[in-house]
């Protein structure tokens, strides 16, 4: 049984000032709560000015819950799982304990060690019992979402229902998801008339992965869908998958560089005849992907690049990439990049007829394109006080559009 740190005394320890911390979270990690509870320490605005850089990574776990991994240079990472539906107040307390656990080990033998108070949790009879999992590691998550906006001259609404089932063990990973989406839109035109339309889409996808040692995985993928907007009455593709991780999978919370390859069959059944004169077709395809995921005190990088290609026609392919990058270049200077882009050369599903202006306005029919992109680039520089421990919530979010 390991020690849990449940409280940190606020009184100073020793004549030297308290260590400074920098908190790095690629995903939200209860930043305000941690600053308040760790106010014994100074919080620095920049990792280059801090004594300890704390990196917190959140990842989905096999039980539809989450896995938190806390890393501080000089100490082994500390990881724990929270179950699906766990309240934020419980998850954030466990995160605090994990951070304190590591800091205590790093500060042991210094004057600051005396500021910690240690205790050990009790164990219930249920926790001591060894029970078989009645669900055999299966977890199911239904979802329902509705969004919309409108005004006197327009409206837009979209509703989605989905269910995801997954079974994750050390050797096997199976994820099955089905979803249905319907979108409604309408506009008031200049001549006083109104136009409206709606399209729907459903999709089901199953992916299986089998662990092969610490760097390799093999499996398969099956996807079926229908999409009125894309002129697809039915779609099916299935293929074999292989993946190599340049780093051990055990290091996934801090660094991943994975090369994946898939090959199989790809088929479409169309609502309307396509520009190629087809009402249905079946093609062999393959795809290669490179995925990078790095979380370090200097920043985080999540990036994927993929090439899709039809084996029977070298002119039909797609090259796509997407990234979320946050880099701390030097003290105070940070660069943030988020976006995705694709070079499109495989739109075999386009309707043979001209898409009407009304369909374009209502987004009920897909139009041809050679490329797509979405990008957000930002640079920030911060200077001044190196301390930012104090949290003052007064007047926060006094406007609806304020974060």
Protein backbone atom coordinates (compact mmCIF):
# COMPACT_ATOMS: atom_id res chain seq x y z
CA UNK A 1 0.00 0.00 0.00
CA UNK A 2 1.38 3.37 -0.96
CA UNK A 3 1.15 6.60 1.01
CA UNK A 4 -1.38 9.25 0.02
CA UNK A 5 -0.80 12.87 0.92
CA UNK A 6 -4.07 14.36 2.03
CA UNK A 7 -3.07 17.78 3.28
CA UNK A 8 -0.36 20.39 2.83
CA UNK A 9 0.30 22.82 5.70
CA UNK A 10 0.42 26.46 4.68
CA UNK A 11 3.09 27.49 7.20
CA UNK A 12 6.53 28.13 5.76
CA UNK A 13 9.17 25.48 6.11
CA UNK A 14 12.72 26.66 6.51
CA UNK A 15 14.23 30.05 5.78
CA UNK A 16 14.37 29.70 2.00
CA UNK A 17 11.39 30.59 -0.14
CA UNK A 18 8.97 27.91 -1.36
CA UNK A 19 9.70 26.15 -4.64
CA UNK A 20 7.94 27.42 -7.77
CA UNK A 21 5.70 25.26 -9.94
CA UNK A 22 4.57 25.41 -13.55
CA UNK A 23 1.45 23.48 -14.55
CA UNK A 24 1.23 22.14 -18.11
CA UNK A 25 -2.05 20.53 -19.22
CA UNK A 26 -2.71 19.62 -22.88
CA UNK A 27 -6.31 19.07 -21.66
CA UNK A 28 -8.19 20.89 -18.89
CA UNK A 29 -6.88 19.81 -15.47
CA UNK A 30 -8.65 21.86 -12.77
CA UNK A 31 -6.05 24.62 -12.96
CA UNK A 32 -7.78 27.05 -10.55
CA UNK A 33 -8.44 24.36 -7.94
CA UNK A 34 -4.82 23.19 -8.00
CA UNK A 35 -3.49 26.71 -7.61
CA UNK A 36 -5.70 27.27 -4.58
CA UNK A 37 -4.86 23.97 -2.91
CA UNK A 38 -1.12 24.22 -3.65
CA UNK A 39 -0.76 27.83 -2.52
CA UNK A 40 2.17 26.87 -0.29
CA UNK A 41 4.16 26.92 -3.53
CA UNK A 42 4.71 29.78 -5.92
CA UNK A 43 3.23 29.27 -9.38
CA UNK A 44 5.39 30.56 -12.20
CA UNK A 45 3.98 31.94 -15.45
CA UNK A 46 6.67 30.15 -17.46
CA UNK A 47 8.30 26.69 -17.28
CA UNK A 48 11.77 28.19 -17.68
CA UNK A 49 11.31 30.12 -14.42
CA UNK A 50 9.93 27.23 -12.34
CA UNK A 51 11.69 24.75 -10.05
CA UNK A 52 9.24 21.95 -10.97
CA UNK A 53 7.32 21.50 -14.22
CA UNK A 54 4.15 19.44 -13.71
CA UNK A 55 2.69 17.78 -16.80
CA UNK A 56 -0.84 16.36 -16.50
CA UNK A 57 -2.19 14.19 -19.34
CA UNK A 58 -5.81 12.95 -19.54
CA UNK A 59 -6.69 9.99 -21.76
CA UNK A 60 -9.89 7.94 -22.23
CA UNK A 61 -9.73 4.56 -20.49
CA UNK A 62 -11.29 1.24 -21.36
CA UNK A 63 -14.15 1.66 -18.88
CA UNK A 64 -15.35 4.88 -20.56
CA UNK A 65 -13.62 6.71 -17.75
CA UNK A 66 -10.31 8.57 -17.84
CA UNK A 67 -6.68 7.91 -17.03
CA UNK A 68 -4.65 10.73 -15.50
CA UNK A 69 -0.85 10.67 -15.74
CA UNK A 70 1.20 13.16 -13.72
CA UNK A 71 4.87 13.66 -14.61
CA UNK A 72 7.49 15.80 -12.88
CA UNK A 73 11.13 15.68 -13.98
CA UNK A 74 13.25 13.66 -11.55
CA UNK A 75 10.46 11.32 -10.43
CA UNK A 76 8.57 8.37 -11.95
CA UNK A 77 5.18 9.26 -13.48
CA UNK A 78 2.13 8.69 -11.32
CA UNK A 79 -1.00 7.35 -13.09
CA UNK A 80 -4.52 6.60 -11.88
CA UNK A 81 -7.93 5.88 -13.39
CA UNK A 82 -11.30 7.46 -12.66
CA UNK A 83 -14.50 5.62 -13.55
CA UNK A 84 -17.09 6.91 -16.00
CA UNK A 85 -19.41 9.42 -14.36
CA UNK A 86 -16.93 10.33 -11.61
CA UNK A 87 -17.71 13.80 -10.29
CA UNK A 88 -15.15 16.52 -10.99
CA UNK A 89 -14.80 17.15 -7.26
CA UNK A 90 -13.57 13.57 -6.80
CA UNK A 91 -11.32 13.52 -9.87
CA UNK A 92 -9.63 16.81 -9.01
CA UNK A 93 -8.92 15.66 -5.44
CA UNK A 94 -7.24 12.49 -6.71
CA UNK A 95 -5.19 14.59 -9.10
CA UNK A 96 -4.11 16.83 -6.23
CA UNK A 97 -3.04 13.80 -4.19
CA UNK A 98 -1.00 12.45 -7.08
CA UNK A 99 0.84 15.75 -7.49
CA UNK A 100 1.52 16.00 -3.75
CA UNK A 101 2.73 12.41 -3.69
CA UNK A 102 5.40 13.18 -6.29
CA UNK A 103 6.38 16.52 -4.76
CA UNK A 104 6.85 14.92 -1.37
CA UNK A 105 9.30 12.43 -2.83
CA UNK A 106 11.23 15.20 -4.59
CA UNK A 107 11.36 17.43 -1.50
CA UNK A 108 12.16 14.69 1.00
CA UNK A 109 15.25 15.65 2.95
CA UNK A 110 14.71 19.39 2.42
CA UNK A 111 13.21 21.90 4.90
CA UNK A 112 9.99 21.83 2.84
CA UNK A 113 9.34 18.15 3.62
CA UNK A 114 8.09 19.06 7.09
CA UNK A 115 5.22 21.03 5.52
CA UNK A 116 3.54 17.80 4.36
CA UNK A 117 1.10 15.81 6.46
CA UNK A 118 0.76 12.12 5.54
CA UNK A 119 -2.06 9.64 6.03
CA UNK A 120 -3.15 6.28 4.65
CA UNK A 121 -6.63 5.49 3.33
CA UNK A 122 -8.67 2.71 4.83
CA UNK A 123 -9.74 -0.35 2.84
CA UNK A 124 -13.30 -1.55 2.83
CA UNK A 125 -14.29 -5.19 2.84
CA UNK A 126 -15.55 -4.78 -0.71
CA UNK A 127 -12.17 -3.50 -1.86
CA UNK A 128 -10.49 -6.48 -0.24
CA UNK A 129 -12.74 -8.92 -2.06
CA UNK A 130 -11.74 -10.30 -5.42
CA UNK A 131 -14.82 -10.22 -7.62
CA UNK A 132 -15.15 -11.17 -11.26
CA UNK A 133 -16.14 -8.35 -13.56
CA UNK A 134 -19.84 -8.99 -14.37
CA UNK A 135 -19.44 -7.05 -17.62
CA UNK A 136 -16.27 -8.91 -18.65
CA UNK A 137 -14.53 -5.52 -19.22
CA UNK A 138 -17.26 -4.24 -21.57
CA UNK A 139 -18.33 -0.62 -21.17
CA UNK A 140 -21.25 1.01 -22.99
CA UNK A 141 -21.82 4.76 -23.41
CA UNK A 142 -25.00 6.13 -25.06
CA UNK A 143 -24.93 9.78 -26.18
CA UNK A 144 -27.48 12.36 -27.28
CA UNK A 145 -26.74 15.93 -28.36
CA UNK A 146 -28.77 18.72 -29.92
CA UNK A 147 -27.50 22.12 -31.05
CA UNK A 148 -29.02 24.98 -32.95
CA UNK A 149 -29.05 28.68 -33.61
CA UNK A 150 -31.26 31.05 -35.51
CA UNK A 151 -32.66 34.50 -36.09
CA UNK A 152 -35.51 36.19 -37.92
CA UNK A 153 -34.01 35.23 -41.29
CA UNK A 154 -32.48 31.80 -40.70
CA UNK A 155 -32.31 28.74 -38.51
CA UNK A 156 -29.99 25.77 -38.09
CA UNK A 157 -30.36 22.69 -35.91
CA UNK A 158 -28.50 19.40 -35.64
CA UNK A 159 -29.27 16.36 -33.50
CA UNK A 160 -27.04 13.33 -32.95
CA UNK A 161 -27.62 10.07 -31.16
CA UNK A 162 -24.81 7.57 -30.66
CA UNK A 163 -23.77 4.56 -28.64
CA UNK A 164 -20.23 3.33 -28.06
CA UNK A 165 -19.22 -0.05 -26.68
CA UNK A 166 -15.64 -0.95 -25.89
CA UNK A 167 -13.68 -3.74 -24.30
CA UNK A 168 -10.10 -2.93 -23.37
CA UNK A 169 -7.56 -5.24 -21.79
CA UNK A 170 -3.77 -5.33 -21.88
CA UNK A 171 -3.77 -7.61 -24.94
CA UNK A 172 -6.98 -6.64 -26.74
CA UNK A 173 -8.88 -3.49 -27.65
CA UNK A 174 -12.31 -3.61 -29.32
CA UNK A 175 -14.33 -0.46 -29.94
CA UNK A 176 -17.74 -0.41 -31.65
CA UNK A 177 -19.64 2.81 -32.29
CA UNK A 178 -22.88 3.66 -34.06
CA UNK A 179 -24.34 7.12 -34.63
CA UNK A 180 -27.17 8.89 -36.41
CA UNK A 181 -27.23 12.62 -37.21
CA UNK A 182 -29.92 14.80 -38.78
CA UNK A 183 -29.45 18.43 -39.76
CA UNK A 184 -32.17 21.01 -40.50
CA UNK A 185 -31.62 24.49 -41.97
CA UNK A 186 -33.70 27.30 -43.46
CA UNK A 187 -33.25 30.84 -44.79
CA UNK A 188 -35.36 33.86 -45.66
CA UNK A 189 -34.41 35.05 -49.17
CA UNK A 190 -34.36 38.64 -50.46
CA UNK A 191 -37.64 38.18 -52.37
CA UNK A 192 -39.43 37.24 -49.14
CA UNK A 193 -39.61 33.51 -49.84
CA UNK A 194 -38.22 30.89 -47.53
CA UNK A 195 -36.19 27.78 -48.34
CA UNK A 196 -35.52 24.87 -46.02
CA UNK A 197 -33.91 21.48 -46.15
CA UNK A 198 -32.67 18.58 -44.06
CA UNK A 199 -30.15 15.79 -44.52
CA UNK A 200 -29.25 12.80 -42.39
CA UNK A 201 -26.24 10.58 -41.84
CA UNK A 202 -25.58 7.34 -39.99
CA UNK A 203 -22.33 5.55 -39.35
CA UNK A 204 -21.13 2.42 -37.61
CA UNK A 205 -17.50 1.52 -37.03
CA UNK A 206 -15.69 -1.34 -35.35
CA UNK A 207 -11.95 -1.46 -34.74
CA UNK A 208 -9.93 -4.22 -33.11
CA UNK A 209 -6.31 -4.11 -31.94
CA UNK A 210 -4.17 -6.96 -30.64
CA UNK A 211 -0.99 -6.20 -28.71
CA UNK A 212 2.24 -7.66 -30.11
CA UNK A 213 5.03 -6.91 -27.66
CA UNK A 214 5.77 -3.34 -26.58
CA UNK A 215 6.06 -1.68 -30.01
CA UNK A 216 3.68 -3.56 -32.35
CA UNK A 217 -0.06 -4.00 -32.77
CA UNK A 218 -2.24 -5.69 -35.40
CA UNK A 219 -5.96 -5.73 -36.02
CA UNK A 220 -8.80 -4.83 -38.35
CA UNK A 221 -11.36 -2.10 -39.05
CA UNK A 222 -14.89 -2.22 -40.49
CA UNK A 223 -16.90 0.93 -41.29
CA UNK A 224 -20.39 1.33 -42.71
CA UNK A 225 -22.29 4.57 -43.28
CA UNK A 226 -24.87 6.47 -45.31
CA UNK A 227 -24.67 10.20 -45.98
CA UNK A 228 -27.33 12.08 -47.94
CA UNK A 229 -25.15 15.20 -48.17
CA UNK A 230 -22.30 13.20 -49.77
CA UNK A 231 -24.63 11.28 -52.15
CA UNK A 232 -23.94 8.00 -50.36
CA UNK A 233 -26.85 5.61 -49.91
CA UNK A 234 -24.52 3.04 -48.39
CA UNK A 235 -20.80 2.69 -47.80
CA UNK A 236 -18.62 -0.15 -46.54
CA UNK A 237 -14.91 -0.45 -46.12
CA UNK A 238 -13.00 -3.10 -44.25
CA UNK A 239 -9.35 -3.91 -43.98
CA UNK A 240 -6.42 -5.20 -41.96
CA UNK A 241 -4.41 -2.86 -39.73
CA UNK A 242 -0.82 -2.91 -38.53
CA UNK A 243 0.97 -0.39 -36.32
CA UNK A 244 4.49 0.27 -35.05
CA UNK A 245 5.19 2.63 -32.17
CA UNK A 246 8.74 4.00 -32.15
CA UNK A 247 8.41 4.37 -28.37
CA UNK A 248 7.12 1.67 -26.01
CA UNK A 249 3.34 1.84 -25.59
CA UNK A 250 3.94 2.15 -21.85
CA UNK A 251 5.23 5.69 -22.50
CA UNK A 252 2.01 6.75 -24.24
CA UNK A 253 1.19 9.55 -21.79
CA UNK A 254 4.43 11.43 -22.50
CA UNK A 255 5.37 10.48 -26.06
CA UNK A 256 4.04 8.51 -29.00
CA UNK A 257 5.19 8.21 -32.59
CA UNK A 258 3.11 5.59 -34.37
CA UNK A 259 3.23 4.43 -37.98
CA UNK A 260 0.03 2.65 -39.09
CA UNK A 261 -0.89 0.91 -42.34
CA UNK A 262 -4.23 -0.43 -43.50
CA UNK A 263 -5.28 -2.26 -46.65
CA UNK A 264 -8.63 -3.65 -47.75
CA UNK A 265 -11.79 -3.15 -49.79
CA UNK A 266 -13.90 -0.01 -50.18
CA UNK A 267 -17.42 0.14 -51.63
CA UNK A 268 -20.11 2.78 -52.28
CA UNK A 269 -23.78 2.69 -53.31
CA UNK A 270 -24.95 6.10 -54.51
CA UNK A 271 -28.26 7.98 -54.23
CA UNK A 272 -27.72 9.67 -57.60
CA UNK A 273 -25.46 8.73 -60.50
CA UNK A 274 -21.96 10.13 -59.99
CA UNK A 275 -19.83 12.30 -62.25
CA UNK A 276 -18.03 9.07 -63.21
CA UNK A 277 -21.34 7.51 -64.29
CA UNK A 278 -21.43 5.04 -61.38
CA UNK A 279 -24.37 3.99 -59.23
CA UNK A 280 -22.22 1.62 -57.18
CA UNK A 281 -18.59 0.54 -57.12
CA UNK A 282 -16.03 -1.52 -55.21
CA UNK A 283 -12.34 -0.63 -55.03
CA UNK A 284 -9.22 -1.88 -53.25
CA UNK A 285 -7.62 0.78 -51.06
CA UNK A 286 -4.74 1.32 -48.68
CA UNK A 287 -3.70 4.08 -46.29
CA UNK A 288 -0.66 4.99 -44.24
CA UNK A 289 -0.74 7.23 -41.15
CA UNK A 290 1.90 8.80 -38.96
CA UNK A 291 0.72 9.90 -35.52
CA UNK A 292 2.76 11.93 -33.03
CA UNK A 293 1.68 12.77 -29.48
CA UNK A 294 4.17 14.47 -27.17
CA UNK A 295 3.46 16.05 -23.77
CA UNK A 296 6.44 17.70 -22.11
CA UNK A 297 7.11 20.81 -19.97
CA UNK A 298 8.14 22.70 -23.13
CA UNK A 299 4.71 22.13 -24.63
CA UNK A 300 2.59 19.54 -26.38
CA UNK A 301 2.23 18.23 -29.93
CA UNK A 302 -0.67 16.16 -31.23
CA UNK A 303 -0.30 15.58 -34.99
CA UNK A 304 -1.46 13.12 -37.62
CA UNK A 305 -0.60 12.84 -41.29
CA UNK A 306 -2.39 10.39 -43.56
CA UNK A 307 -2.33 9.33 -47.21
CA UNK A 308 -5.32 7.41 -48.65
CA UNK A 309 -5.08 5.84 -52.10
CA UNK A 310 -7.18 3.61 -54.35
CA UNK A 311 -4.97 0.80 -55.59
CA UNK A 312 -6.76 0.45 -58.96
CA UNK A 313 -6.42 4.15 -59.90
CA UNK A 314 -3.23 6.11 -59.05
CA UNK A 315 -5.00 9.42 -59.74
CA UNK A 316 -7.47 8.94 -56.86
CA UNK A 317 -5.89 9.81 -53.52
CA UNK A 318 -6.09 12.14 -50.53
CA UNK A 319 -3.32 13.63 -48.40
CA UNK A 320 -4.49 15.05 -45.08
CA UNK A 321 -2.99 16.36 -41.88
CA UNK A 322 -4.20 17.76 -38.57
CA UNK A 323 -2.41 19.13 -35.53
CA UNK A 324 -2.78 20.79 -32.16
CA UNK A 325 0.60 22.25 -31.21
CA UNK A 326 1.53 24.40 -28.22
CA UNK A 327 5.21 25.31 -27.91
CA UNK A 328 6.91 27.38 -25.23
CA UNK A 329 9.86 28.74 -27.16
CA UNK A 330 11.55 30.65 -24.35
CA UNK A 331 10.61 32.44 -21.14
CA UNK A 332 7.32 34.22 -21.81
CA UNK A 333 7.05 33.30 -25.51
CA UNK A 334 4.55 30.68 -26.70
CA UNK A 335 3.37 29.59 -30.14
CA UNK A 336 0.03 27.81 -30.64
CA UNK A 337 -1.17 26.12 -33.82
CA UNK A 338 -4.41 24.25 -34.39
CA UNK A 339 -5.87 23.13 -37.68
CA UNK A 340 -6.29 20.56 -40.40
CA UNK A 341 -5.89 20.48 -44.16
CA UNK A 342 -6.37 18.02 -47.01
CA UNK A 343 -5.41 17.73 -50.64
CA UNK A 344 -8.51 16.13 -52.17
CA UNK A 345 -8.26 13.97 -55.29
CA UNK A 346 -10.72 11.17 -54.47
CA UNK A 347 -14.24 12.66 -54.66
CA UNK A 348 -15.72 9.75 -56.60
CA UNK A 349 -19.10 10.28 -54.91
CA UNK A 350 -20.00 13.66 -56.45
CA UNK A 351 -23.34 13.94 -58.27
CA UNK A 352 -23.21 14.07 -62.06
CA UNK A 353 -25.60 17.05 -62.16
CA UNK A 354 -24.84 20.62 -61.11
CA UNK A 355 -25.54 21.31 -57.45
CA UNK A 356 -28.17 24.05 -57.12
CA UNK A 357 -27.66 27.35 -55.31
CA UNK A 358 -30.35 26.37 -52.82
CA UNK A 359 -28.56 23.11 -52.00
CA UNK A 360 -25.30 25.00 -51.50
CA UNK A 361 -27.00 27.53 -49.22
CA UNK A 362 -28.69 24.84 -47.13
CA UNK A 363 -25.64 22.50 -47.11
CA UNK A 364 -27.70 19.59 -48.39
CA UNK A 365 -25.42 18.53 -51.29
CA UNK A 366 -21.64 18.27 -51.48
CA UNK A 367 -19.76 20.32 -54.07
CA UNK A 368 -16.40 19.53 -55.69
CA UNK A 369 -13.19 20.83 -54.16
CA UNK A 370 -9.46 20.32 -54.66
CA UNK A 371 -8.54 21.05 -51.05
CA UNK A 372 -9.94 21.86 -47.63
CA UNK A 373 -8.34 23.62 -44.69
CA UNK A 374 -9.01 25.05 -41.27
CA UNK A 375 -6.25 26.75 -39.32
CA UNK A 376 -5.73 28.82 -36.19
CA UNK A 377 -2.32 30.31 -35.37
CA UNK A 378 -1.43 32.35 -32.32
CA UNK A 379 1.66 33.83 -30.70
CA UNK A 380 1.72 35.18 -27.16
CA UNK A 381 4.33 36.84 -25.01
CA UNK A 382 4.01 37.37 -21.26
CA UNK A 383 6.28 39.43 -19.03
CA UNK A 384 6.14 40.96 -15.57
CA UNK A 385 5.52 39.18 -12.26
CA UNK A 386 6.68 35.58 -12.15
CA UNK A 387 4.10 34.67 -9.48
CA UNK A 388 0.51 33.79 -10.33
CA UNK A 389 -0.67 31.72 -7.39
CA UNK A 390 -3.58 33.93 -6.33
CA UNK A 391 -7.02 33.08 -7.72
CA UNK A 392 -9.68 35.81 -7.66
CA UNK A 393 -13.01 34.76 -9.25
CA UNK A 394 -14.75 38.15 -8.88
CA UNK A 395 -16.53 39.42 -12.04
CA UNK A 396 -15.52 36.26 -13.95
CA UNK A 397 -17.83 35.57 -16.91
CA UNK A 398 -19.92 38.69 -16.41
CA UNK A 399 -20.53 38.61 -20.19
CA UNK A 400 -21.99 35.60 -22.01
CA UNK A 401 -19.11 35.38 -24.48
CA UNK A 402 -16.38 35.59 -21.84
CA UNK A 403 -14.48 32.42 -20.97
